[in-house]
Amino acid sequence: MILDSVGWMDLRRYRALHEAGASISAIARETGRDWRTVKKYLTRDGGEEAAPPQGSPRRGTQPRKIDAVAEVVDAWLRADVRLRASVIHERLVAEYGFDGSYQRVKMYVSEARPRIRGELGLGKRDLAGLHRRFEVTPGAQAQVDWGDEGDILEHVGIEKVYSFHMTLSYSRDPFCCFVTSMDMATFWDCHRRAFDHFGGVPAALVYDRVKTVVRRHVAPGVAVPLHPEAVAFAGHYGFAVDVLAAYRPTGKGRVERQVDIVRQHVLAARVFGSLTEVQAAFAAWVPMRRAQVHRTHGQVIAARAVADHAGLRPLPPQPYLVAERHLRRVGKDCLISFEGSVYSLPARRIRAGQRVEVRATPAAIAIHDPVDGALLATHARAAERGGWVVDEAHWDGLPTGHTRAVVAGDPPAEGSTHPPAPPEPDPNPLRALLTQAGTIEVTRRPLADYDALAGLGGVRF
């Protein structure tokens, strides 16, 4: 057995012990090696070697399967020097019938990639996998992200729970709240809660390309169109919207790291009975987090957060009312349908088939004219699907049917604006029917008239 350099150095330490009288078998038991190996390297001849033993070199003496397709691999690397070894092995098997192992391909690619980089003039100047480190001033930036916490409250009937995170970039001061929806109204409502928590508004907020911020996706290098609600909300609170490039998670690593920290320190190995309990657990953990020294800036988070909070912009006097906006068509019955429930509109201000804009908040429904923005109606939001939310005053001016009437006798006289009052009902219904039958006149006719109608022609039997 030929020992490597580490094993050879480790065994040499027992040479003095062997010279002092320790047996080969005892040293072999101590080191866990075969006694023949110990004897070989602790005898006078083997022990005096100044360098670890080496076997005869075999590199290049055996043919390699990868050599047959080496030129193909080099060509692929010249086309894309970052091509993964797993992809190369997959293509070699599919296109060239390569039957070698992935490890052999991986070893060859690790040798060939630096050589190809040198041929292409890339060398160490290749920027793949690198990013720019940035720092901000107090109050200049915060980063926003969602976390999917799954079914932590499924046992109490809540199927999904999401966590909303906002982290101040200068101090890493965290905010988190837990909700059951990621819709637009909830998203911006979480912003308001975060601003109240920090006591101000950062100058800029960093987002992924989420649909509540971005109206549609565009190609790299093209300005990202913002959602109108995001523009309105940012304008009301006075912050700039910074949308990251696609697939660039390092742009908001501060908040993404905070998502994992909250899961580990607040949610892990705990059972909660409601959203209130989850939120209380985060509130109890925040002081402990703020008392820690952050590993990046080397300061206590709470001490650094003082400057961060001082640099925030003040909150506006009135909060922004966030609402989902949808277009709906008005029916002939002055009703619109929204989320399976119906809501009424004033008949004097709309027409059948007209489109209106529904602005929905968690508690109310406001219906506006989409042309001039005029408010047409407001309703409390239906408690459940299939609700009927109607204001009777909205049907003012429409026929109610109160003039419809029937009579058993003669119709009212011409020129009369009111129908005759119906007779008082008789407490005995049978007598009333008999009385009515006695008032019917029956015309008397001769029998010859009936004979003529029957075609008898005066025949008598």
Protein backbone atom coordinates (compact mmCIF):
# COMPACT_ATOMS: atom_id res chain seq x y z
CA MET A 1 0.00 0.00 0.00
CA ILE A 2 1.33 3.43 -0.97
CA LEU A 3 0.45 6.10 1.60
CA ASP A 4 -0.49 9.62 0.63
CA SER A 5 1.46 12.54 2.05
CA VAL A 6 -0.91 13.05 5.01
CA GLY A 7 -0.85 9.37 6.02
CA TRP A 8 2.91 9.21 5.58
CA MET A 9 3.47 12.24 7.84
CA ASP A 10 1.06 10.82 10.44
CA LEU A 11 2.86 7.46 10.53
CA ARG A 12 6.31 9.05 10.79
CA ARG A 13 5.34 10.45 14.22
CA TYR A 14 5.48 6.88 15.63
CA ARG A 15 9.08 6.28 14.55
CA ALA A 16 10.56 7.52 17.84
CA LEU A 17 8.05 5.42 19.77
CA HIS A 18 9.12 2.33 17.82
CA GLU A 19 12.79 3.04 18.49
CA ALA A 20 11.95 3.33 22.21
CA GLY A 21 10.64 -0.25 22.22
CA ALA A 22 7.01 -0.14 21.05
CA SER A 23 6.14 -3.14 18.91
CA ILE A 24 4.93 -2.95 15.33
CA SER A 25 1.65 -4.65 16.24
CA ALA A 26 0.95 -2.12 19.03
CA ILE A 27 1.55 0.81 16.67
CA ALA A 28 -0.61 -0.88 14.03
CA ARG A 29 -3.50 -1.17 16.51
CA GLU A 30 -3.04 2.47 17.51
CA THR A 31 -3.03 3.81 13.96
CA GLY A 32 -5.54 1.36 12.53
CA ARG A 33 -3.23 0.34 9.71
CA ASP A 34 -1.95 -3.05 8.59
CA TRP A 35 1.18 -4.18 10.49
CA ARG A 36 2.99 -4.75 7.21
CA THR A 37 2.46 -1.11 6.20
CA VAL A 38 3.66 0.06 9.63
CA LYS A 39 6.75 -2.12 9.43
CA LYS A 40 7.57 -0.89 5.95
CA TYR A 41 7.54 2.78 6.88
CA LEU A 42 9.03 2.56 10.38
CA THR A 43 12.09 0.47 9.55
CA ARG A 44 15.42 2.14 9.10
CA ASP A 45 15.24 2.08 5.29
CA GLY A 46 11.68 3.31 4.90
CA GLY A 47 11.72 5.69 7.83
CA GLU A 48 14.64 7.76 6.57
CA GLU A 49 12.86 8.84 3.38
CA ALA A 50 12.76 12.65 3.18
CA ALA A 51 9.60 12.72 1.04
CA PRO A 52 6.42 10.64 0.90
CA PRO A 53 6.59 7.69 -1.48
CA GLN A 54 5.00 7.96 -4.88
CA GLY A 55 3.78 5.30 -7.25
CA SER A 56 4.64 5.18 -10.89
CA PRO A 57 2.75 7.85 -12.85
CA ARG A 58 -0.23 6.48 -14.82
CA ARG A 59 -1.57 9.75 -16.17
CA GLY A 60 -1.75 9.58 -19.93
CA THR A 61 -1.05 5.87 -20.14
CA GLN A 62 -4.72 4.82 -20.32
CA PRO A 63 -7.15 6.02 -23.05
CA ARG A 64 -10.06 8.21 -21.83
CA LYS A 65 -13.57 8.06 -23.26
CA ILE A 66 -13.85 11.83 -23.09
CA ASP A 67 -10.94 12.23 -25.51
CA ALA A 68 -13.11 11.07 -28.40
CA VAL A 69 -15.51 14.02 -27.91
CA ALA A 70 -13.09 16.55 -26.45
CA GLU A 71 -13.21 18.76 -29.55
CA VAL A 72 -17.00 18.84 -29.38
CA VAL A 73 -16.91 19.89 -25.73
CA ASP A 74 -14.35 22.60 -26.49
CA ALA A 75 -16.56 23.96 -29.28
CA TRP A 76 -19.55 24.13 -26.96
CA LEU A 77 -17.51 25.95 -24.33
CA ARG A 78 -16.27 28.44 -26.91
CA ALA A 79 -19.90 29.17 -27.79
CA ASP A 80 -20.82 29.60 -24.10
CA VAL A 81 -17.99 29.32 -21.62
CA ARG A 82 -20.49 29.09 -18.72
CA LEU A 83 -22.19 25.96 -20.07
CA ARG A 84 -22.71 23.52 -17.22
CA ALA A 85 -20.98 20.14 -17.17
CA SER A 86 -24.31 18.40 -16.52
CA VAL A 87 -25.73 19.92 -19.72
CA ILE A 88 -22.64 18.88 -21.67
CA HIS A 89 -22.92 15.30 -20.42
CA GLU A 90 -26.63 15.20 -21.27
CA ARG A 91 -25.99 16.40 -24.83
CA LEU A 92 -23.07 14.02 -25.34
CA VAL A 93 -25.25 11.06 -24.37
CA ALA A 94 -28.19 12.17 -26.53
CA GLU A 95 -26.31 13.33 -29.63
CA TYR A 96 -23.08 11.32 -29.66
CA GLY A 97 -23.96 8.14 -27.78
CA PHE A 98 -21.39 8.89 -25.07
CA ASP A 99 -21.37 6.14 -22.43
CA GLY A 100 -18.89 7.68 -20.01
CA SER A 101 -19.81 8.92 -16.53
CA TYR A 102 -20.80 12.45 -15.61
CA GLN A 103 -17.82 12.72 -13.24
CA ARG A 104 -15.37 12.25 -16.12
CA VAL A 105 -17.10 14.98 -18.07
CA LYS A 106 -17.07 17.23 -15.02
CA MET A 107 -13.33 16.69 -14.51
CA TYR A 108 -12.59 17.47 -18.15
CA VAL A 109 -14.74 20.62 -18.14
CA SER A 110 -12.97 21.88 -15.00
CA GLU A 111 -9.67 21.55 -16.89
CA ALA A 112 -10.92 22.90 -20.20
CA ARG A 113 -12.92 25.90 -18.99
CA PRO A 114 -9.89 27.99 -17.82
CA ARG A 115 -8.11 27.19 -21.08
CA ILE A 116 -11.11 28.28 -23.15
CA ARG A 117 -11.43 31.45 -21.08
CA GLY A 118 -7.84 32.26 -21.89
CA GLU A 119 -8.38 31.64 -25.60
CA LEU A 120 -11.40 33.96 -25.59
CA GLY A 121 -9.54 36.66 -23.70
CA LEU A 122 -11.86 36.52 -20.71
CA GLY A 123 -9.59 35.31 -17.98
CA LYS A 124 -10.34 36.91 -14.62
CA ARG A 125 -12.32 39.74 -16.19
CA ASP A 126 -15.46 37.61 -16.54
CA LEU A 127 -18.09 39.18 -14.27
CA ALA A 128 -20.44 36.20 -14.09
CA GLY A 129 -21.64 35.57 -10.56
CA LEU A 130 -20.44 38.95 -9.23
CA HIS A 131 -22.50 41.91 -8.09
CA ARG A 132 -21.94 45.43 -6.86
CA ARG A 133 -22.08 46.07 -3.10
CA PHE A 134 -24.02 49.20 -2.17
CA GLU A 135 -24.66 51.18 0.99
CA VAL A 136 -27.35 53.78 1.66
CA THR A 137 -27.78 56.77 3.94
CA PRO A 138 -30.28 56.75 6.85
CA GLY A 139 -33.89 56.81 5.70
CA ALA A 140 -32.96 56.49 2.03
CA GLN A 141 -34.28 53.01 1.27
CA ALA A 142 -36.35 50.06 2.43
CA GLN A 143 -36.82 46.69 0.75
CA VAL A 144 -40.13 44.81 0.45
CA ASP A 145 -40.85 41.10 -0.01
CA TRP A 146 -43.50 38.43 0.53
CA GLY A 147 -43.09 35.13 2.35
CA ASP A 148 -45.34 32.08 1.93
CA GLU A 149 -45.80 30.52 5.36
CA GLY A 150 -48.07 27.74 4.14
CA ASP A 151 -50.65 26.02 6.32
CA ILE A 152 -49.45 27.03 9.80
CA LEU A 153 -53.09 27.88 10.72
CA GLU A 154 -54.84 25.16 8.76
CA HIS A 155 -56.00 23.52 11.99
CA VAL A 156 -58.15 26.60 12.74
CA GLY A 157 -59.65 26.82 9.24
CA ILE A 158 -57.17 29.23 7.61
CA GLU A 159 -55.73 27.52 4.54
CA LYS A 160 -52.87 29.90 3.66
CA VAL A 161 -50.84 32.45 5.60
CA TYR A 162 -48.47 34.97 4.02
CA SER A 163 -45.90 37.22 5.66
CA PHE A 164 -45.23 40.77 4.45
CA HIS A 165 -41.74 42.10 5.16
CA MET A 166 -40.23 45.58 4.99
CA THR A 167 -36.62 46.12 6.11
CA LEU A 168 -34.84 49.48 6.41
CA SER A 169 -31.66 49.10 4.36
CA TYR A 170 -29.38 51.29 6.51
CA SER A 171 -30.07 49.71 9.91
CA ARG A 172 -31.79 46.40 8.94
CA ASP A 173 -34.63 47.32 11.28
CA PRO A 174 -37.41 44.81 10.45
CA PHE A 175 -41.17 44.93 10.09
CA CYS A 176 -43.41 41.94 9.45
CA CYS A 177 -47.15 41.31 9.45
CA PHE A 178 -49.12 38.17 8.66
CA VAL A 179 -52.14 38.10 6.33
CA THR A 180 -54.30 35.59 4.45
CA SER A 181 -54.25 37.28 1.04
CA MET A 182 -51.75 38.88 -1.32
CA ASP A 183 -54.25 41.01 -3.24
CA MET A 184 -53.70 44.68 -3.97
CA ALA A 185 -55.74 46.08 -1.09
CA THR A 186 -53.89 43.88 1.41
CA PHE A 187 -50.50 44.66 -0.15
CA TRP A 188 -50.80 48.42 0.22
CA ASP A 189 -52.52 48.14 3.59
CA CYS A 190 -49.40 46.30 4.82
CA HIS A 191 -47.36 49.29 3.63
CA ARG A 192 -49.45 51.62 5.78
CA ARG A 193 -48.89 49.37 8.79
CA ALA A 194 -45.15 49.33 8.11
CA PHE A 195 -44.98 53.13 7.84
CA ASP A 196 -46.84 53.46 11.15
CA HIS A 197 -44.43 50.93 12.70
CA PHE A 198 -41.34 52.89 11.59
CA GLY A 199 -42.90 56.30 12.18
CA GLY A 200 -42.20 57.57 8.67
CA VAL A 201 -41.69 56.82 4.98
CA PRO A 202 -38.38 55.85 3.32
CA ALA A 203 -37.28 57.82 0.27
CA ALA A 204 -37.40 54.71 -1.95
CA LEU A 205 -38.82 51.20 -1.79
CA VAL A 206 -37.28 48.25 -3.65
CA TYR A 207 -39.59 45.60 -5.15
CA ASP A 208 -39.58 42.48 -7.25
CA ARG A 209 -41.63 42.55 -10.44
CA VAL A 210 -44.89 41.70 -8.68
CA LYS A 211 -48.21 42.34 -10.42
CA THR A 212 -49.34 44.76 -7.70
CA VAL A 213 -46.43 47.06 -8.63
CA VAL A 214 -45.72 46.30 -12.30
CA ARG A 215 -48.48 46.56 -14.89
CA ARG A 216 -46.77 44.19 -17.34
CA HIS A 217 -43.38 42.61 -17.93
CA VAL A 218 -40.98 44.08 -20.48
CA ALA A 219 -37.67 43.11 -22.05
CA PRO A 220 -34.38 43.80 -20.22
CA GLY A 221 -33.25 47.39 -20.55
CA VAL A 222 -36.79 48.72 -21.12
CA ALA A 223 -38.46 51.00 -18.58
CA VAL A 224 -40.92 49.04 -16.43
CA PRO A 225 -44.53 50.32 -16.59
CA LEU A 226 -45.93 50.72 -13.09
CA HIS A 227 -49.42 49.82 -11.96
CA PRO A 228 -51.62 52.94 -11.63
CA GLU A 229 -52.42 52.10 -8.01
CA ALA A 230 -48.69 51.87 -7.21
CA VAL A 231 -48.10 55.26 -8.81
CA ALA A 232 -50.97 56.81 -6.84
CA PHE A 233 -49.91 55.24 -3.53
CA ALA A 234 -46.25 56.24 -3.96
CA GLY A 235 -47.28 59.77 -4.91
CA HIS A 236 -49.47 60.12 -1.84
CA TYR A 237 -46.70 59.02 0.55
CA GLY A 238 -43.86 60.60 -1.40
CA PHE A 239 -41.50 57.66 -2.03
CA ALA A 240 -39.84 56.45 -5.23
CA VAL A 241 -40.55 52.99 -6.63
CA ASP A 242 -37.42 50.98 -7.50
CA VAL A 243 -38.14 47.76 -9.44
CA LEU A 244 -35.35 45.21 -9.72
CA ALA A 245 -34.26 43.58 -12.94
CA ALA A 246 -35.61 40.10 -13.55
CA TYR A 247 -33.80 37.26 -11.74
CA ARG A 248 -31.72 39.63 -9.61
CA PRO A 249 -32.35 38.54 -5.99
CA THR A 250 -29.11 40.13 -4.72
CA GLY A 251 -30.71 43.54 -5.27
CA LYS A 252 -32.82 43.12 -2.11
CA GLY A 253 -30.84 40.62 -0.10
CA ARG A 254 -31.46 42.53 3.13
CA VAL A 255 -35.17 41.75 3.18
CA GLU A 256 -34.82 38.25 1.69
CA ARG A 257 -32.50 37.33 4.53
CA GLN A 258 -35.04 38.80 6.96
CA VAL A 259 -37.73 36.43 5.65
CA ASP A 260 -35.61 33.44 6.65
CA ILE A 261 -34.71 34.96 10.03
CA VAL A 262 -38.39 35.46 10.94
CA ARG A 263 -39.21 31.88 10.00
CA GLN A 264 -36.37 30.52 12.11
CA HIS A 265 -36.86 32.70 15.20
CA VAL A 266 -40.62 33.37 15.24
CA LEU A 267 -42.41 30.51 13.47
CA ALA A 268 -40.20 27.45 13.78
CA ALA A 269 -41.40 24.70 16.19
CA ARG A 270 -44.41 26.74 17.38
CA VAL A 271 -48.15 26.23 17.13
CA PHE A 272 -50.49 29.23 16.80
CA GLY A 273 -54.23 29.53 17.11
CA SER A 274 -54.83 32.74 15.15
CA LEU A 275 -53.19 35.49 13.14
CA THR A 276 -53.23 37.63 16.27
CA GLU A 277 -51.02 35.12 18.08
CA VAL A 278 -48.58 34.99 15.17
CA GLN A 279 -48.38 38.78 15.08
CA ALA A 280 -47.86 38.91 18.85
CA ALA A 281 -44.99 36.44 18.56
CA PHE A 282 -43.24 38.71 16.06
CA ALA A 283 -43.84 41.78 18.24
CA ALA A 284 -42.28 39.97 21.21
CA TRP A 285 -39.23 38.96 19.14
CA VAL A 286 -38.48 42.39 17.60
CA PRO A 287 -36.81 43.85 20.75
CA MET A 288 -34.45 40.87 20.85
CA ARG A 289 -33.59 41.34 17.20
CA ARG A 290 -32.95 45.06 17.66
CA ALA A 291 -30.64 44.38 20.60
CA GLN A 292 -28.31 42.29 18.44
CA VAL A 293 -25.13 43.46 16.73
CA HIS A 294 -25.58 43.06 13.01
CA ARG A 295 -22.78 41.11 11.38
CA THR A 296 -22.56 43.35 8.34
CA HIS A 297 -22.44 46.90 9.72
CA GLY A 298 -21.10 45.81 13.13
CA GLN A 299 -23.47 47.98 15.18
CA VAL A 300 -26.46 47.34 17.41
CA ILE A 301 -29.53 47.41 15.15
CA ALA A 302 -31.54 49.56 17.58
CA ALA A 303 -28.78 52.17 17.85
CA ARG A 304 -28.39 52.38 14.09
CA ALA A 305 -32.18 52.45 13.67
CA VAL A 306 -32.36 55.76 15.56
CA ALA A 307 -30.57 57.50 12.71
CA ASP A 308 -32.57 55.51 10.18
CA HIS A 309 -35.91 56.58 11.66
CA ALA A 310 -34.76 60.19 11.89
CA GLY A 311 -34.10 60.21 8.16
CA LEU A 312 -37.61 59.01 7.23
CA ARG A 313 -40.12 61.35 5.67
CA PRO A 314 -43.17 62.31 7.76
CA LEU A 315 -46.47 60.55 7.24
CA PRO A 316 -49.18 62.48 5.34
CA PRO A 317 -52.14 63.83 7.36
CA GLN A 318 -54.57 61.37 5.76
CA PRO A 319 -53.82 57.73 4.88
CA TYR A 320 -54.28 56.62 1.31
CA LEU A 321 -57.46 54.61 0.72
CA VAL A 322 -56.40 51.53 -1.19
CA ALA A 323 -59.03 49.88 -3.37
CA GLU A 324 -59.13 47.21 -6.01
CA ARG A 325 -60.56 48.60 -9.23
CA HIS A 326 -62.77 46.61 -11.60
CA LEU A 327 -65.15 47.44 -14.45
CA ARG A 328 -68.68 46.07 -14.35
CA ARG A 329 -71.74 46.38 -16.60
CA VAL A 330 -75.04 47.71 -15.23
CA GLY A 331 -78.09 45.50 -15.76
CA LYS A 332 -81.62 46.62 -16.60
CA ASP A 333 -82.51 46.10 -12.95
CA CYS A 334 -79.95 48.77 -11.89
CA LEU A 335 -77.72 46.10 -10.34
CA ILE A 336 -74.11 45.09 -10.89
CA SER A 337 -72.45 41.81 -9.95
CA PHE A 338 -69.14 41.71 -8.07
CA GLU A 339 -67.57 38.56 -6.57
CA GLY A 340 -70.87 36.68 -6.77
CA SER A 341 -72.92 39.35 -4.96
CA VAL A 342 -75.14 42.11 -6.39
CA TYR A 343 -75.12 45.82 -5.56
CA SER A 344 -77.63 48.50 -6.55
CA LEU A 345 -77.12 51.82 -8.36
CA PRO A 346 -79.36 54.92 -8.49
CA ALA A 347 -81.66 54.59 -11.53
CA ARG A 348 -81.65 58.33 -12.25
CA ARG A 349 -77.84 58.41 -12.73
CA ILE A 350 -77.16 55.35 -14.87
CA ARG A 351 -78.42 53.57 -17.97
CA ALA A 352 -78.72 49.90 -18.82
CA GLY A 353 -75.51 48.44 -20.24
CA GLN A 354 -73.33 51.26 -18.92
CA ARG A 355 -69.89 50.34 -17.54
CA VAL A 356 -69.00 51.51 -14.05
CA GLU A 357 -65.83 51.24 -11.97
CA VAL A 358 -65.96 49.26 -8.74
CA ARG A 359 -63.45 50.26 -6.08
CA ALA A 360 -63.38 47.55 -3.45
CA THR A 361 -61.82 47.75 -0.02
CA PRO A 362 -61.97 44.97 2.60
CA ALA A 363 -64.99 46.65 4.21
CA ALA A 364 -66.82 48.63 1.50
CA ILE A 365 -67.71 48.88 -2.18
CA ALA A 366 -67.62 52.25 -3.95
CA ILE A 367 -69.04 52.52 -7.48
CA HIS A 368 -67.82 55.36 -9.70
CA ASP A 369 -68.40 56.66 -13.20
CA PRO A 370 -65.20 55.70 -15.06
CA VAL A 371 -65.39 58.81 -17.27
CA ASP A 372 -65.45 61.64 -14.74
CA GLY A 373 -64.81 59.62 -11.55
CA ALA A 374 -68.10 60.73 -9.97
CA LEU A 375 -69.25 58.60 -7.04
CA LEU A 376 -72.49 56.79 -7.87
CA ALA A 377 -73.07 54.61 -4.81
CA THR A 378 -71.39 53.10 -1.76
CA HIS A 379 -72.28 49.85 0.01
CA ALA A 380 -70.93 47.72 2.81
CA ARG A 381 -69.18 44.72 1.32
CA ALA A 382 -71.23 41.54 1.25
CA ALA A 383 -70.34 39.22 4.11
CA GLU A 384 -70.41 36.14 1.90
CA ARG A 385 -70.76 35.17 -1.73
CA GLY A 386 -74.28 35.44 -3.11
CA GLY A 387 -75.22 38.48 -1.00
CA TRP A 388 -77.96 40.94 -2.00
CA VAL A 389 -76.95 44.53 -1.13
CA VAL A 390 -79.70 46.87 -2.38
CA ASP A 391 -80.71 50.39 -1.38
CA GLU A 392 -84.47 50.78 -2.11
CA ALA A 393 -83.97 54.50 -2.69
CA HIS A 394 -81.93 53.70 -5.80
CA TRP A 395 -85.13 52.51 -7.53
CA ASP A 396 -86.91 55.83 -6.94
CA GLY A 397 -88.93 56.79 -10.04
CA LEU A 398 -89.23 53.26 -11.43
CA PRO A 399 -92.71 51.64 -11.68
CA THR A 400 -93.63 49.88 -8.50
CA GLY A 401 -96.93 48.24 -9.64
CA HIS A 402 -98.96 49.95 -6.92
CA THR A 403 -101.61 51.08 -9.50
CA ARG A 404 -102.44 47.55 -10.63
CA ALA A 405 -105.97 46.38 -9.55
CA VAL A 406 -108.75 44.00 -10.54
CA VAL A 407 -112.51 44.27 -10.00
CA ALA A 408 -115.33 41.73 -10.20
CA GLY A 409 -117.89 44.28 -11.34
CA ASP A 410 -117.90 47.16 -13.83
CA PRO A 411 -114.64 49.03 -14.52
CA PRO A 412 -114.32 52.56 -13.16
CA ALA A 413 -116.05 55.38 -15.00
CA GLU A 414 -114.12 57.28 -17.65
CA GLY A 415 -112.28 60.26 -16.29
CA SER A 416 -111.94 58.72 -12.91
CA THR A 417 -108.37 58.80 -11.66
CA HIS A 418 -108.94 56.28 -8.94
CA PRO A 419 -110.40 52.81 -9.21
CA PRO A 420 -113.50 52.09 -7.13
CA ALA A 421 -112.85 50.82 -3.68
CA PRO A 422 -113.16 47.07 -3.52
CA PRO A 423 -116.21 45.77 -1.62
CA GLU A 424 -115.84 44.65 1.90
CA PRO A 425 -115.14 40.91 2.00
CA ASP A 426 -118.04 38.74 3.18
CA PRO A 427 -117.05 36.57 6.16
CA ASN A 428 -119.04 33.71 4.52
CA PRO A 429 -117.35 32.87 1.14
CA LEU A 430 -120.16 30.49 -0.01
CA ARG A 431 -122.84 33.11 0.51
CA ALA A 432 -120.79 35.64 -1.41
CA LEU A 433 -120.58 33.31 -4.40
CA LEU A 434 -124.34 32.62 -4.34
CA THR A 435 -125.12 36.31 -4.09
CA GLN A 436 -122.87 37.05 -7.07
CA ALA A 437 -124.52 34.27 -9.14
CA GLY A 438 -128.01 35.69 -8.41
CA THR A 439 -127.09 38.99 -10.02
CA ILE A 440 -126.23 37.46 -13.42
CA GLU A 441 -128.94 38.04 -16.08
CA VAL A 442 -129.85 35.03 -18.34
CA THR A 443 -131.41 35.71 -21.80
CA ARG A 444 -134.55 33.68 -22.63
CA ARG A 445 -134.75 32.25 -26.23
CA PRO A 446 -137.49 30.16 -28.01
CA LEU A 447 -136.78 26.46 -28.58
CA ALA A 448 -136.94 26.90 -32.38
CA ASP A 449 -133.69 28.83 -32.21
CA TYR A 450 -131.92 25.87 -30.67
CA ASP A 451 -133.49 23.47 -33.25
CA ALA A 452 -132.14 25.60 -36.08
CA LEU A 453 -128.68 25.62 -34.57
CA ALA A 454 -128.77 21.81 -34.25
CA GLY A 455 -129.95 21.37 -37.92
CA LEU A 456 -133.19 19.65 -37.02
CA GLY A 457 -135.31 21.97 -39.27
CA GLY A 458 -138.47 21.67 -37.22
CA VAL A 459 -138.46 17.85 -37.08
CA ARG A 460 -140.30 16.55 -34.06
CA PHE A 461 -139.93 13.16 -32.44
